[in-house]
PDB file of N, CA and C in Angstrom:
ATOM      1  N   MET A   1       0.815  -1.789   0.168  1.00  0.00           N
ATOM      2  CA  MET A   1      -0.003  -0.232  -0.637  1.00  0.00           C
ATOM      3  C   MET A   1       0.532   2.010  -0.125  1.00  0.00           C
ATOM      4  N   GLY A   2       0.367   2.511  -0.465  1.00  0.00           N
ATOM      5  CA  GLY A   2       1.142   3.906  -0.399  1.00  0.00           C
ATOM      6  C   GLY A   2       0.563   4.612  -1.598  1.00  0.00           C
ATOM      7  N   TYR A   3       1.197   5.631  -1.807  1.00  0.00           N
ATOM      8  CA  TYR A   3       0.441   6.468  -2.893  1.00  0.00           C
ATOM      9  C   TYR A   3       2.092   7.473  -3.141  1.00  0.00           C
ATOM     10  N   LYS A   4       2.094   8.183  -4.638  1.00  0.00           N
ATOM     11  CA  LYS A   4       2.296   9.180  -4.245  1.00  0.00           C
ATOM     12  C   LYS A   4       2.295  10.750  -4.533  1.00  0.00           C
ATOM     13  N   LEU A   5       2.575  12.047  -3.640  1.00  0.00           N
ATOM     14  CA  LEU A   5       1.432  12.587  -4.525  1.00  0.00           C
ATOM     15  C   LEU A   5       2.650  13.971  -5.145  1.00  0.00           C
ATOM     16  N   THR A   6       1.932  14.340  -6.324  1.00  0.00           N
ATOM     17  CA  THR A   6       2.415  15.355  -6.962  1.00  0.00           C
ATOM     18  C   THR A   6       1.811  16.596  -6.855  1.00  0.00           C
ATOM     19  N   VAL A   7       2.275  17.903  -6.612  1.00  0.00           N
ATOM     20  CA  VAL A   7       2.672  18.703  -5.725  1.00  0.00           C
ATOM     21  C   VAL A   7       2.779  19.632  -7.156  1.00  0.00           C
ATOM     22  N   GLU A   8       0.954  20.825  -7.323  1.00  0.00           N
ATOM     23  CA  GLU A   8       1.480  22.166  -8.541  1.00  0.00           C
ATOM     24  C   GLU A   8       0.590  23.092  -8.263  1.00  0.00           C
ATOM     25  N   ASN A   9       1.590  24.030  -7.603  1.00  0.00           N
ATOM     26  CA  ASN A   9       1.203  25.230  -7.318  1.00  0.00           C
ATOM     27  C   ASN A   9       1.181  26.534  -7.947  1.00  0.00           C
ATOM     28  N   GLY A  10      -0.041  26.775  -8.946  1.00  0.00           N
ATOM     29  CA  GLY A  10      -0.624  27.203  -9.805  1.00  0.00           C
ATOM     30  C   GLY A  10      -1.431  28.510  -9.273  1.00  0.00           C
ATOM     31  N   PRO A  11      -2.261  29.300 -10.209  1.00  0.00           N
ATOM     32  CA  PRO A  11      -2.394  31.011  -9.690  1.00  0.00           C
ATOM     33  C   PRO A  11      -3.974  30.908  -8.922  1.00  0.00           C
ATOM     34  N   GLU A  12      -4.874  29.798 -10.299  1.00  0.00           N
ATOM     35  CA  GLU A  12      -6.598  30.028  -9.145  1.00  0.00           C
ATOM     36  C   GLU A  12      -6.119  29.250  -7.942  1.00  0.00           C
ATOM     37  N   TYR A  13      -5.774  27.861  -8.141  1.00  0.00           N
ATOM     38  CA  TYR A  13      -5.500  26.228  -6.842  1.00  0.00           C
ATOM     39  C   TYR A  13      -4.387  26.005  -6.698  1.00  0.00           C
ATOM     40  N   LEU A  14      -4.432  24.799  -5.952  1.00  0.00           N
ATOM     41  CA  LEU A  14      -2.391  24.125  -6.298  1.00  0.00           C
ATOM     42  C   LEU A  14      -3.937  22.579  -6.192  1.00  0.00           C
ATOM     43  N   LYS A  15      -3.248  21.741  -7.372  1.00  0.00           N
ATOM     44  CA  LYS A  15      -3.625  20.721  -7.981  1.00  0.00           C
ATOM     45  C   LYS A  15      -2.200  19.171  -7.524  1.00  0.00           C
ATOM     46  N   LEU A  16      -2.955  18.938  -6.569  1.00  0.00           N
ATOM     47  CA  LEU A  16      -2.232  17.369  -6.336  1.00  0.00           C
ATOM     48  C   LEU A  16      -2.469  15.768  -6.989  1.00  0.00           C
ATOM     49  N   THR A  17      -2.073  15.304  -7.489  1.00  0.00           N
ATOM     50  CA  THR A  17      -2.135  14.200  -8.190  1.00  0.00           C
ATOM     51  C   THR A  17      -1.460  13.278  -7.260  1.00  0.00           C
ATOM     52  N   ALA A  18      -2.378  12.180  -6.882  1.00  0.00           N
ATOM     53  CA  ALA A  18      -1.748  10.725  -5.923  1.00  0.00           C
ATOM     54  C   ALA A  18      -2.008   9.168  -6.881  1.00  0.00           C
ATOM     55  N   VAL A  19      -0.966   9.233  -6.845  1.00  0.00           N
ATOM     56  CA  VAL A  19      -1.525   7.629  -7.680  1.00  0.00           C
ATOM     57  C   VAL A  19      -0.821   6.654  -6.551  1.00  0.00           C
ATOM     58  N   GLY A  20      -1.745   5.439  -6.565  1.00  0.00           N
ATOM     59  CA  GLY A  20      -1.163   4.001  -5.461  1.00  0.00           C
ATOM     60  C   GLY A  20      -1.723   3.797  -6.219  1.00  0.00           C
ATOM     61  N   ASP A  21      -2.386   3.104  -4.353  1.00  0.00           N
ATOM     62  CA  ASP A  21      -3.396   2.553  -4.186  1.00  0.00           C
ATOM     63  C   ASP A  21      -3.762   2.691  -2.162  1.00  0.00           C
ATOM     64  N   HIS A  22      -4.073   1.984  -2.030  1.00  0.00           N
ATOM     65  CA  HIS A  22      -5.476   3.132  -0.313  1.00  0.00           C
ATOM     66  C   HIS A  22      -5.840   1.695   0.119  1.00  0.00           C
ATOM     67  N   SER A  23      -5.489   0.961   1.468  1.00  0.00           N
ATOM     68  CA  SER A  23      -7.132   0.829   2.625  1.00  0.00           C
ATOM     69  C   SER A  23      -8.623   2.153   2.525  1.00  0.00           C
ATOM     70  N   ALA A  24      -9.086   2.129   2.864  1.00  0.00           N
ATOM     71  CA  ALA A  24      -9.636   2.718   3.741  1.00  0.00           C
ATOM     72  C   ALA A  24      -9.636   3.364   4.802  1.00  0.00           C
ATOM     73  N   GLU A  25      -8.617   2.866   5.409  1.00  0.00           N
ATOM     74  CA  GLU A  25      -8.233   3.710   6.788  1.00  0.00           C
ATOM     75  C   GLU A  25      -7.159   4.702   6.571  1.00  0.00           C
ATOM     76  N   GLU A  26      -6.444   4.169   5.638  1.00  0.00           N
ATOM     77  CA  GLU A  26      -5.188   5.027   4.442  1.00  0.00           C
ATOM     78  C   GLU A  26      -6.033   6.240   4.467  1.00  0.00           C
ATOM     79  N   MET A  27      -7.257   6.631   3.780  1.00  0.00           N
ATOM     80  CA  MET A  27      -7.311   7.471   3.457  1.00  0.00           C
ATOM     81  C   MET A  27      -7.447   8.712   4.751  1.00  0.00           C
ATOM     82  N   TYR A  28      -7.733   8.498   5.919  1.00  0.00           N
ATOM     83  CA  TYR A  28      -8.255   9.486   6.834  1.00  0.00           C
ATOM     84  C   TYR A  28      -6.448  10.466   6.562  1.00  0.00           C
ATOM     85  N   ALA A  29      -5.151   9.541   6.709  1.00  0.00           N
ATOM     86  CA  ALA A  29      -4.003  10.318   6.644  1.00  0.00           C
ATOM     87  C   ALA A  29      -4.321  11.015   5.202  1.00  0.00           C
ATOM     88  N   PHE A  30      -4.053   9.822   4.292  1.00  0.00           N
ATOM     89  CA  PHE A  30      -4.051  11.759   2.477  1.00  0.00           C
ATOM     90  C   PHE A  30      -4.503  12.698   3.086  1.00  0.00           C
ATOM     91  N   ILE A  31      -6.299  12.674   3.567  1.00  0.00           N
ATOM     92  CA  ILE A  31      -7.223  14.269   3.834  1.00  0.00           C
ATOM     93  C   ILE A  31      -6.528  14.873   4.424  1.00  0.00           C
ATOM     94  N   ASP A  32      -5.131  14.453   5.851  1.00  0.00           N
ATOM     95  CA  ASP A  32      -4.732  15.549   6.264  1.00  0.00           C
ATOM     96  C   ASP A  32      -3.578  15.404   5.681  1.00  0.00           C
ATOM     97  N   ASN A  33      -3.059  14.797   4.393  1.00  0.00           N
ATOM     98  CA  ASN A  33      -1.700  15.078   3.952  1.00  0.00           C
ATOM     99  C   ASN A  33      -2.165  16.155   2.594  1.00  0.00           C
ATOM    100  N   ILE A  34      -3.680  16.057   2.001  1.00  0.00           N
ATOM    101  CA  ILE A  34      -3.962  17.070   1.252  1.00  0.00           C
ATOM    102  C   ILE A  34      -4.063  18.549   1.879  1.00  0.00           C
ATOM    103  N   LYS A  35      -4.459  18.796   4.216  1.00  0.00           N
ATOM    104  CA  LYS A  35      -4.089  20.333   4.146  1.00  0.00           C
ATOM    105  C   LYS A  35      -3.605  20.952   4.998  1.00  0.00           C
ATOM    106  N   ALA A  36      -2.355  19.523   4.319  1.00  0.00           N
ATOM    107  CA  ALA A  36      -1.110  19.725   5.356  1.00  0.00           C
ATOM    108  C   ALA A  36      -0.152  20.498   3.548  1.00  0.00           C
ATOM    109  N   GLU A  37      -0.127  20.064   3.181  1.00  0.00           N
ATOM    110  CA  GLU A  37      -0.332  20.742   1.697  1.00  0.00           C
ATOM    111  C   GLU A  37      -0.720  21.799   0.931  1.00  0.00           C
ATOM    112  N   ALA A  38      -1.772  22.162   1.368  1.00  0.00           N
ATOM    113  CA  ALA A  38      -2.629  23.557   1.658  1.00  0.00           C
ATOM    114  C   ALA A  38      -1.975  24.182   2.531  1.00  0.00           C
ATOM    115  N   VAL A  39      -1.391  23.851   3.332  1.00  0.00           N
ATOM    116  CA  VAL A  39      -1.181  25.181   4.823  1.00  0.00           C
ATOM    117  C   VAL A  39      -0.103  26.069   3.611  1.00  0.00           C
ATOM    118  N   ARG A  40       0.544  24.775   3.701  1.00  0.00           N
ATOM    119  CA  ARG A  40       2.293  24.346   3.403  1.00  0.00           C
ATOM    120  C   ARG A  40       1.849  25.358   1.723  1.00  0.00           C
ATOM    121  N   ASN A  41       1.582  25.379   1.171  1.00  0.00           N
ATOM    122  CA  ASN A  41       1.479  26.427   0.008  1.00  0.00           C
ATOM    123  C   ASN A  41       0.846  27.669   0.435  1.00  0.00           C
ATOM    124  N   ASP A  42       0.281  28.045   0.699  1.00  0.00           N
ATOM    125  CA  ASP A  42      -0.765  29.413   1.733  1.00  0.00           C
ATOM    126  C   ASP A  42      -1.864  29.116   0.146  1.00  0.00           C
ATOM    127  N   SER A  43      -2.543  27.704   0.404  1.00  0.00           N
ATOM    128  CA  SER A  43      -3.508  27.775  -0.878  1.00  0.00           C
ATOM    129  C   SER A  43      -5.267  27.430   0.116  1.00  0.00           C
ATOM    130  N   LYS A  44      -6.217  28.603  -0.461  1.00  0.00           N
ATOM    131  CA  LYS A  44      -7.845  28.180   0.116  1.00  0.00           C
ATOM    132  C   LYS A  44      -8.093  27.154  -1.146  1.00  0.00           C
ATOM    133  N   ARG A  45      -8.023  27.021  -1.854  1.00  0.00           N
ATOM    134  CA  ARG A  45      -8.321  26.470  -3.201  1.00  0.00           C
ATOM    135  C   ARG A  45      -7.753  25.029  -4.131  1.00  0.00           C
ATOM    136  N   VAL A  46      -8.008  23.372  -3.317  1.00  0.00           N
ATOM    137  CA  VAL A  46      -7.479  22.482  -4.054  1.00  0.00           C
ATOM    138  C   VAL A  46      -7.770  21.836  -4.761  1.00  0.00           C
ATOM    139  N   LEU A  47      -7.223  21.497  -6.027  1.00  0.00           N
ATOM    140  CA  LEU A  47      -7.534  20.624  -6.989  1.00  0.00           C
ATOM    141  C   LEU A  47      -7.225  19.252  -6.329  1.00  0.00           C
ATOM    142  N   VAL A  48      -7.858  18.186  -6.659  1.00  0.00           N
ATOM    143  CA  VAL A  48      -7.200  16.354  -5.765  1.00  0.00           C
ATOM    144  C   VAL A  48      -8.177  15.470  -7.320  1.00  0.00           C
ATOM    145  N   ASP A  49      -6.488  15.395  -7.650  1.00  0.00           N
ATOM    146  CA  ASP A  49      -6.446  14.334  -8.806  1.00  0.00           C
ATOM    147  C   ASP A  49      -6.802  13.190  -8.109  1.00  0.00           C
ATOM    148  N   SER A  50      -8.232  12.106  -7.645  1.00  0.00           N
ATOM    149  CA  SER A  50      -7.779  10.382  -7.839  1.00  0.00           C
ATOM    150  C   SER A  50      -7.799   9.974  -8.051  1.00  0.00           C
ATOM    151  N   PHE A  51      -7.511   9.738  -9.520  1.00  0.00           N
ATOM    152  CA  PHE A  51      -8.394   8.904 -10.629  1.00  0.00           C
ATOM    153  C   PHE A  51      -7.222   7.393  -9.836  1.00  0.00           C
ATOM    154  N   GLU A  52      -5.817   7.937 -10.268  1.00  0.00           N
ATOM    155  CA  GLU A  52      -5.585   6.637 -10.120  1.00  0.00           C
ATOM    156  C   GLU A  52      -4.951   6.713  -8.227  1.00  0.00           C
ATOM    157  N   TYR A  53      -5.655   6.824  -7.544  1.00  0.00           N
ATOM    158  CA  TYR A  53      -5.742   6.799  -5.837  1.00  0.00           C
ATOM    159  C   TYR A  53      -7.089   7.194  -5.821  1.00  0.00           C
ATOM    160  N   SER A  54      -8.010   5.474  -5.752  1.00  0.00           N
ATOM    161  CA  SER A  54      -9.127   5.255  -5.015  1.00  0.00           C
ATOM    162  C   SER A  54      -8.671   3.802  -5.163  1.00  0.00           C
ATOM    163  N   THR A  55     -10.375   3.983  -4.342  1.00  0.00           N
ATOM    164  CA  THR A  55     -10.844   2.036  -3.749  1.00  0.00           C
ATOM    165  C   THR A  55     -12.257   2.827  -4.098  1.00  0.00           C
ATOM    166  N   LEU A  56     -12.831   1.044  -4.030  1.00  0.00           N
ATOM    167  CA  LEU A  56     -13.852   1.081  -3.995  1.00  0.00           C
ATOM    168  C   LEU A  56     -14.693   0.887  -1.707  1.00  0.00           C
ATOM    169  N   MET A  57     -15.219   1.817  -1.649  1.00  0.00           N
ATOM    170  CA  MET A  57     -15.262   2.505  -0.340  1.00  0.00           C
ATOM    171  C   MET A  57     -17.290   1.567   0.514  1.00  0.00           C
ATOM    172  N   SER A  58     -16.996   0.770   1.371  1.00  0.00           N
ATOM    173  CA  SER A  58     -18.724   1.308   2.056  1.00  0.00           C
ATOM    174  C   SER A  58     -19.637   1.954   2.145  1.00  0.00           C
ATOM    175  N   GLU A  59     -20.591   2.492   1.827  1.00  0.00           N
ATOM    176  CA  GLU A  59     -20.857   3.697   2.406  1.00  0.00           C
ATOM    177  C   GLU A  59     -20.470   4.500   3.963  1.00  0.00           C
ATOM    178  N   ALA A  60     -20.800   3.750   4.988  1.00  0.00           N
ATOM    179  CA  ALA A  60     -20.209   3.495   6.353  1.00  0.00           C
ATOM    180  C   ALA A  60     -19.259   4.164   6.360  1.00  0.00           C
ATOM    181  N   ASP A  61     -17.974   3.606   6.367  1.00  0.00           N
ATOM    182  CA  ASP A  61     -17.032   4.470   5.294  1.00  0.00           C
ATOM    183  C   ASP A  61     -16.630   5.858   4.568  1.00  0.00           C
ATOM    184  N   LYS A  62     -17.681   6.103   3.589  1.00  0.00           N
ATOM    185  CA  LYS A  62     -17.705   7.223   2.970  1.00  0.00           C
ATOM    186  C   LYS A  62     -18.392   7.880   3.962  1.00  0.00           C
ATOM    187  N   PHE A  63     -19.236   7.702   4.857  1.00  0.00           N
ATOM    188  CA  PHE A  63     -19.753   8.411   5.554  1.00  0.00           C
ATOM    189  C   PHE A  63     -18.682   9.486   6.784  1.00  0.00           C
ATOM    190  N   ALA A  64     -17.888   8.131   7.394  1.00  0.00           N
ATOM    191  CA  ALA A  64     -16.982   8.910   8.428  1.00  0.00           C
ATOM    192  C   ALA A  64     -15.998   9.551   7.936  1.00  0.00           C
ATOM    193  N   LEU A  65     -15.056   9.357   6.618  1.00  0.00           N
ATOM    194  CA  LEU A  65     -14.570   9.770   6.315  1.00  0.00           C
ATOM    195  C   LEU A  65     -15.099  11.644   5.690  1.00  0.00           C
ATOM    196  N   GLY A  66     -16.297  11.506   5.435  1.00  0.00           N
ATOM    197  CA  GLY A  66     -16.602  12.293   5.419  1.00  0.00           C
ATOM    198  C   GLY A  66     -16.547  13.659   6.275  1.00  0.00           C
ATOM    199  N   SER A  67     -16.696  13.221   7.874  1.00  0.00           N
ATOM    200  CA  SER A  67     -17.278  13.996   8.505  1.00  0.00           C
ATOM    201  C   SER A  67     -15.562  14.332   8.724  1.00  0.00           C
ATOM    202  N   HIS A  68     -14.511  13.372   9.021  1.00  0.00           N
ATOM    203  CA  HIS A  68     -12.861  13.072   8.602  1.00  0.00           C
ATOM    204  C   HIS A  68     -13.042  14.316   7.750  1.00  0.00           C
ATOM    205  N   LEU A  69     -13.323  14.731   6.723  1.00  0.00           N
ATOM    206  CA  LEU A  69     -12.496  15.759   5.717  1.00  0.00           C
ATOM    207  C   LEU A  69     -13.427  17.643   6.725  1.00  0.00           C
ATOM    208  N   ALA A  70     -14.768  17.084   6.780  1.00  0.00           N
ATOM    209  CA  ALA A  70     -15.053  18.376   7.505  1.00  0.00           C
ATOM    210  C   ALA A  70     -14.500  18.561   8.408  1.00  0.00           C
ATOM    211  N   LYS A  71     -13.514  17.948   9.415  1.00  0.00           N
ATOM    212  CA  LYS A  71     -13.174  18.560  10.525  1.00  0.00           C
ATOM    213  C   LYS A  71     -12.027  19.361  10.129  1.00  0.00           C
ATOM    214  N   THR A  72     -11.026  18.571   9.634  1.00  0.00           N
ATOM    215  CA  THR A  72      -9.762  18.636   8.676  1.00  0.00           C
ATOM    216  C   THR A  72      -9.723  20.296   8.189  1.00  0.00           C
ATOM    217  N   PHE A  73     -10.354  20.240   7.290  1.00  0.00           N
ATOM    218  CA  PHE A  73     -11.181  20.944   5.732  1.00  0.00           C
ATOM    219  C   PHE A  73     -11.480  22.330   6.654  1.00  0.00           C
ATOM    220  N   GLY A  74     -12.650  22.153   6.842  1.00  0.00           N
ATOM    221  CA  GLY A  74     -13.584  22.923   7.653  1.00  0.00           C
ATOM    222  C   GLY A  74     -13.891  23.539   6.414  1.00  0.00           C
ATOM    223  N   PRO A  75     -14.246  25.134   6.979  1.00  0.00           N
ATOM    224  CA  PRO A  75     -15.441  25.728   5.580  1.00  0.00           C
ATOM    225  C   PRO A  75     -14.232  26.590   5.329  1.00  0.00           C
ATOM    226  N   ARG A  76     -13.327  26.702   5.251  1.00  0.00           N
ATOM    227  CA  ARG A  76     -12.004  28.134   4.863  1.00  0.00           C
ATOM    228  C   ARG A  76     -11.900  27.031   3.160  1.00  0.00           C
ATOM    229  N   LEU A  77     -10.975  26.496   3.498  1.00  0.00           N
ATOM    230  CA  LEU A  77     -10.445  25.283   2.431  1.00  0.00           C
ATOM    231  C   LEU A  77     -11.382  24.784   2.076  1.00  0.00           C
ATOM    232  N   LYS A  78     -11.152  25.058   0.486  1.00  0.00           N
ATOM    233  CA  LYS A  78     -12.924  24.082  -0.711  1.00  0.00           C
ATOM    234  C   LYS A  78     -11.766  23.364  -1.700  1.00  0.00           C
ATOM    235  N   VAL A  79     -12.290  22.172  -1.348  1.00  0.00           N
ATOM    236  CA  VAL A  79     -11.490  21.423  -1.837  1.00  0.00           C
ATOM    237  C   VAL A  79     -12.118  20.745  -3.285  1.00  0.00           C
ATOM    238  N   ALA A  80     -11.606  20.297  -4.149  1.00  0.00           N
ATOM    239  CA  ALA A  80     -12.354  19.450  -4.731  1.00  0.00           C
ATOM    240  C   ALA A  80     -12.667  18.010  -5.564  1.00  0.00           C
ATOM    241  N   ILE A  81     -13.069  17.179  -5.281  1.00  0.00           N
ATOM    242  CA  ILE A  81     -11.530  15.495  -5.801  1.00  0.00           C
ATOM    243  C   ILE A  81     -12.293  15.043  -5.931  1.00  0.00           C
ATOM    244  N   MET A  82     -11.474  14.597  -6.932  1.00  0.00           N
ATOM    245  CA  MET A  82     -11.460  13.911  -8.840  1.00  0.00           C
ATOM    246  C   MET A  82     -12.416  12.457  -8.970  1.00  0.00           C
ATOM    247  N   LEU A  83     -12.757  11.787  -9.019  1.00  0.00           N
ATOM    248  CA  LEU A  83     -12.794  10.311  -8.830  1.00  0.00           C
ATOM    249  C   LEU A  83     -13.450   9.714 -10.368  1.00  0.00           C
ATOM    250  N   PRO A  84     -13.007   8.157 -10.015  1.00  0.00           N
ATOM    251  CA  PRO A  84     -13.958   7.669 -11.054  1.00  0.00           C
ATOM    252  C   PRO A  84     -15.678   7.539 -10.548  1.00  0.00           C
ATOM    253  N   ALA A  85     -15.902   8.170 -12.198  1.00  0.00           N
ATOM    254  CA  ALA A  85     -17.508   7.688 -11.611  1.00  0.00           C
ATOM    255  C   ALA A  85     -18.022   6.402 -10.814  1.00  0.00           C
ATOM    256  N   GLU A  86     -17.894   5.574 -10.816  1.00  0.00           N
ATOM    257  CA  GLU A  86     -18.048   4.558 -10.695  1.00  0.00           C
ATOM    258  C   GLU A  86     -17.346   3.977  -8.482  1.00  0.00           C
ATOM    259  N   HIS A  87     -17.351   5.383  -8.644  1.00  0.00           N
ATOM    260  CA  HIS A  87     -16.982   5.627  -7.709  1.00  0.00           C
ATOM    261  C   HIS A  87     -17.658   6.362  -6.535  1.00  0.00           C
ATOM    262  N   ILE A  88     -17.961   7.106  -7.117  1.00  0.00           N
ATOM    263  CA  ILE A  88     -18.611   8.294  -5.838  1.00  0.00           C
ATOM    264  C   ILE A  88     -19.892   7.479  -5.880  1.00  0.00           C
ATOM    265  N   SER A  89     -20.686   8.057  -4.567  1.00  0.00           N
ATOM    266  CA  SER A  89     -22.287   7.776  -3.687  1.00  0.00           C
ATOM    267  C   SER A  89     -22.254   8.861  -3.690  1.00  0.00           C
ATOM    268  N   LYS A  90     -22.428  10.257  -3.669  1.00  0.00           N
ATOM    269  CA  LYS A  90     -22.162  11.465  -2.681  1.00  0.00           C
ATOM    270  C   LYS A  90     -22.281  11.315  -1.537  1.00  0.00           C
ATOM    271  N   LEU A  91     -22.600   9.834  -0.294  1.00  0.00           N
ATOM    272  CA  LEU A  91     -22.662   9.850   0.709  1.00  0.00           C
ATOM    273  C   LEU A  91     -21.485  10.708   1.390  1.00  0.00           C
ATOM    274  N   GLY A  92     -20.344  10.422   1.048  1.00  0.00           N
ATOM    275  CA  GLY A  92     -19.560  11.219   2.038  1.00  0.00           C
ATOM    276  C   GLY A  92     -19.600  12.824   1.649  1.00  0.00           C
ATOM    277  N   GLU A  93     -19.900  13.378   0.283  1.00  0.00           N
ATOM    278  CA  GLU A  93     -19.679  14.957  -0.031  1.00  0.00           C
ATOM    279  C   GLU A  93     -20.468  15.900   0.557  1.00  0.00           C
ATOM    280  N   LEU A  94     -22.411  14.976   1.100  1.00  0.00           N
ATOM    281  CA  LEU A  94     -22.588  14.963   1.962  1.00  0.00           C
ATOM    282  C   LEU A  94     -23.133  15.151   3.154  1.00  0.00           C
ATOM    283  N   ALA A  95     -21.946  14.383   3.994  1.00  0.00           N
ATOM    284  CA  ALA A  95     -21.650  14.251   5.264  1.00  0.00           C
ATOM    285  C   ALA A  95     -20.877  15.613   5.346  1.00  0.00           C
ATOM    286  N   ALA A  96     -19.186  15.331   4.784  1.00  0.00           N
ATOM    287  CA  ALA A  96     -19.125  17.158   4.978  1.00  0.00           C
ATOM    288  C   ALA A  96     -19.459  18.402   4.811  1.00  0.00           C
ATOM    289  N   VAL A  97     -20.057  18.039   3.763  1.00  0.00           N
ATOM    290  CA  VAL A  97     -21.180  19.750   3.367  1.00  0.00           C
ATOM    291  C   VAL A  97     -21.781  19.640   5.090  1.00  0.00           C
ATOM    292  N   ASN A  98     -22.891  18.423   4.748  1.00  0.00           N
ATOM    293  CA  ASN A  98     -23.672  18.712   6.330  1.00  0.00           C
ATOM    294  C   ASN A  98     -22.749  19.532   7.525  1.00  0.00           C
ATOM    295  N   ARG A  99     -21.302  19.080   7.559  1.00  0.00           N
ATOM    296  CA  ARG A  99     -21.141  19.838   9.135  1.00  0.00           C
ATOM    297  C   ARG A  99     -19.735  20.499   8.400  1.00  0.00           C
ATOM    298  N   GLY A 100     -20.577  21.799   7.398  1.00  0.00           N
ATOM    299  CA  GLY A 100     -19.435  22.473   7.298  1.00  0.00           C
ATOM    300  C   GLY A 100     -18.438  22.661   6.022  1.00  0.00           C
ATOM    301  N   ALA A 101     -17.743  22.169   5.894  1.00  0.00           N
ATOM    302  CA  ALA A 101     -17.015  22.015   4.707  1.00  0.00           C
ATOM    303  C   ALA A 101     -17.638  22.729   3.679  1.00  0.00           C
ATOM    304  N   ASN A 102     -16.370  22.593   2.329  1.00  0.00           N
ATOM    305  CA  ASN A 102     -16.145  23.775   1.482  1.00  0.00           C
ATOM    306  C   ASN A 102     -15.946  21.936   0.888  1.00  0.00           C
ATOM    307  N   LEU A 103     -16.879  21.406  -0.005  1.00  0.00           N
ATOM    308  CA  LEU A 103     -15.902  20.701  -0.703  1.00  0.00           C
ATOM    309  C   LEU A 103     -17.453  19.856  -2.062  1.00  0.00           C
ATOM    310  N   LEU A 104     -16.790  19.231  -3.660  1.00  0.00           N
ATOM    311  CA  LEU A 104     -16.704  19.193  -4.442  1.00  0.00           C
ATOM    312  C   LEU A 104     -16.145  17.631  -4.708  1.00  0.00           C
ATOM    313  N   VAL A 105     -17.637  16.592  -4.872  1.00  0.00           N
ATOM    314  CA  VAL A 105     -17.329  15.555  -5.998  1.00  0.00           C
ATOM    315  C   VAL A 105     -17.176  14.889  -6.590  1.00  0.00           C
ATOM    316  N   THR A 106     -16.581  14.684  -8.369  1.00  0.00           N
ATOM    317  CA  THR A 106     -16.849  14.616  -9.139  1.00  0.00           C
ATOM    318  C   THR A 106     -15.545  14.240 -10.224  1.00  0.00           C
ATOM    319  N   PRO A 107     -16.358  13.057 -10.969  1.00  0.00           N
ATOM    320  CA  PRO A 107     -15.769  12.314 -11.801  1.00  0.00           C
ATOM    321  C   PRO A 107     -15.267  13.529 -13.070  1.00  0.00           C
ATOM    322  N   SER A 108     -15.222  14.432 -13.303  1.00  0.00           N
ATOM    323  CA  SER A 108     -14.934  15.553 -14.374  1.00  0.00           C
ATOM    324  C   SER A 108     -14.619  17.079 -14.230  1.00  0.00           C
ATOM    325  N   GLU A 109     -13.121  16.771 -14.750  1.00  0.00           N
ATOM    326  CA  GLU A 109     -12.321  17.821 -14.265  1.00  0.00           C
ATOM    327  C   GLU A 109     -12.629  19.538 -14.565  1.00  0.00           C
ATOM    328  N   SER A 110     -12.952  19.247 -15.187  1.00  0.00           N
ATOM    329  CA  SER A 110     -13.900  20.952 -16.442  1.00  0.00           C
ATOM    330  C   SER A 110     -15.093  21.725 -14.619  1.00  0.00           C
ATOM    331  N   ASP A 111     -15.860  20.601 -14.374  1.00  0.00           N
ATOM    332  CA  ASP A 111     -16.383  21.239 -13.400  1.00  0.00           C
ATOM    333  C   ASP A 111     -16.241  21.146 -12.286  1.00  0.00           C
ATOM    334  N   ALA A 112     -14.477  20.434 -11.317  1.00  0.00           N
ATOM    335  CA  ALA A 112     -13.520  20.748 -10.172  1.00  0.00           C
ATOM    336  C   ALA A 112     -13.136  21.835 -10.397  1.00  0.00           C
ATOM    337  N   ILE A 113     -12.752  22.701 -11.451  1.00  0.00           N
ATOM    338  CA  ILE A 113     -12.423  22.895 -12.015  1.00  0.00           C
ATOM    339  C   ILE A 113     -13.227  25.265 -12.028  1.00  0.00           C
ATOM    340  N   ALA A 114     -14.282  25.304 -12.709  1.00  0.00           N
ATOM    341  CA  ALA A 114     -15.394  25.589 -12.915  1.00  0.00           C
ATOM    342  C   ALA A 114     -16.211  26.002 -11.279  1.00  0.00           C
ATOM    343  N   TRP A 115     -16.217  25.239 -10.367  1.00  0.00           N
ATOM    344  CA  TRP A 115     -16.892  25.024  -9.195  1.00  0.00           C
ATOM    345  C   TRP A 115     -16.040  25.218  -8.484  1.00  0.00           C
ATOM    346  N   LEU A 116     -14.726  24.882  -8.227  1.00  0.00           N
ATOM    347  CA  LEU A 116     -12.992  25.436  -7.172  1.00  0.00           C
ATOM    348  C   LEU A 116     -13.138  26.811  -8.138  1.00  0.00           C
ATOM    349  N   THR A 117     -12.997  27.317  -9.157  1.00  0.00           N
ATOM    350  CA  THR A 117     -12.292  28.770  -8.983  1.00  0.00           C
ATOM    351  C   THR A 117     -13.703  30.156  -9.676  1.00  0.00           C
ATOM    352  N   ALA A 118     -14.450  30.234  -8.995  1.00  0.00           N
ATOM    353  CA  ALA A 118     -15.982  30.514  -9.144  1.00  0.00           C
ATOM    354  C   ALA A 118     -15.903  31.543  -7.769  1.00  0.00           C
TER     355      ALA A 118
END
């Protein structure tokens, strides 16, 4: 298990690209790393490309992860996470947003960028 994270600091947002494999439990550390990179790069907007770093998770895992996202990111960090469509149920996003996170989960890079820069 493990992943490689590439960081690109653009003028409008920070882009993180993750490649590798993980378990549902390892997603918590990944979320913490997203926040750490945003702080390190002084960025309030983050685009996360997880097309090559995703796994099927249970709905319970998605809900718990959404709660962790909200605690970690808070309302000031705007994050768009791109995942393969078959991995998206919106439960994690809903849990995070209902707890104050500014989050979008989408399979579309153009939608993610449009939302992030709006």
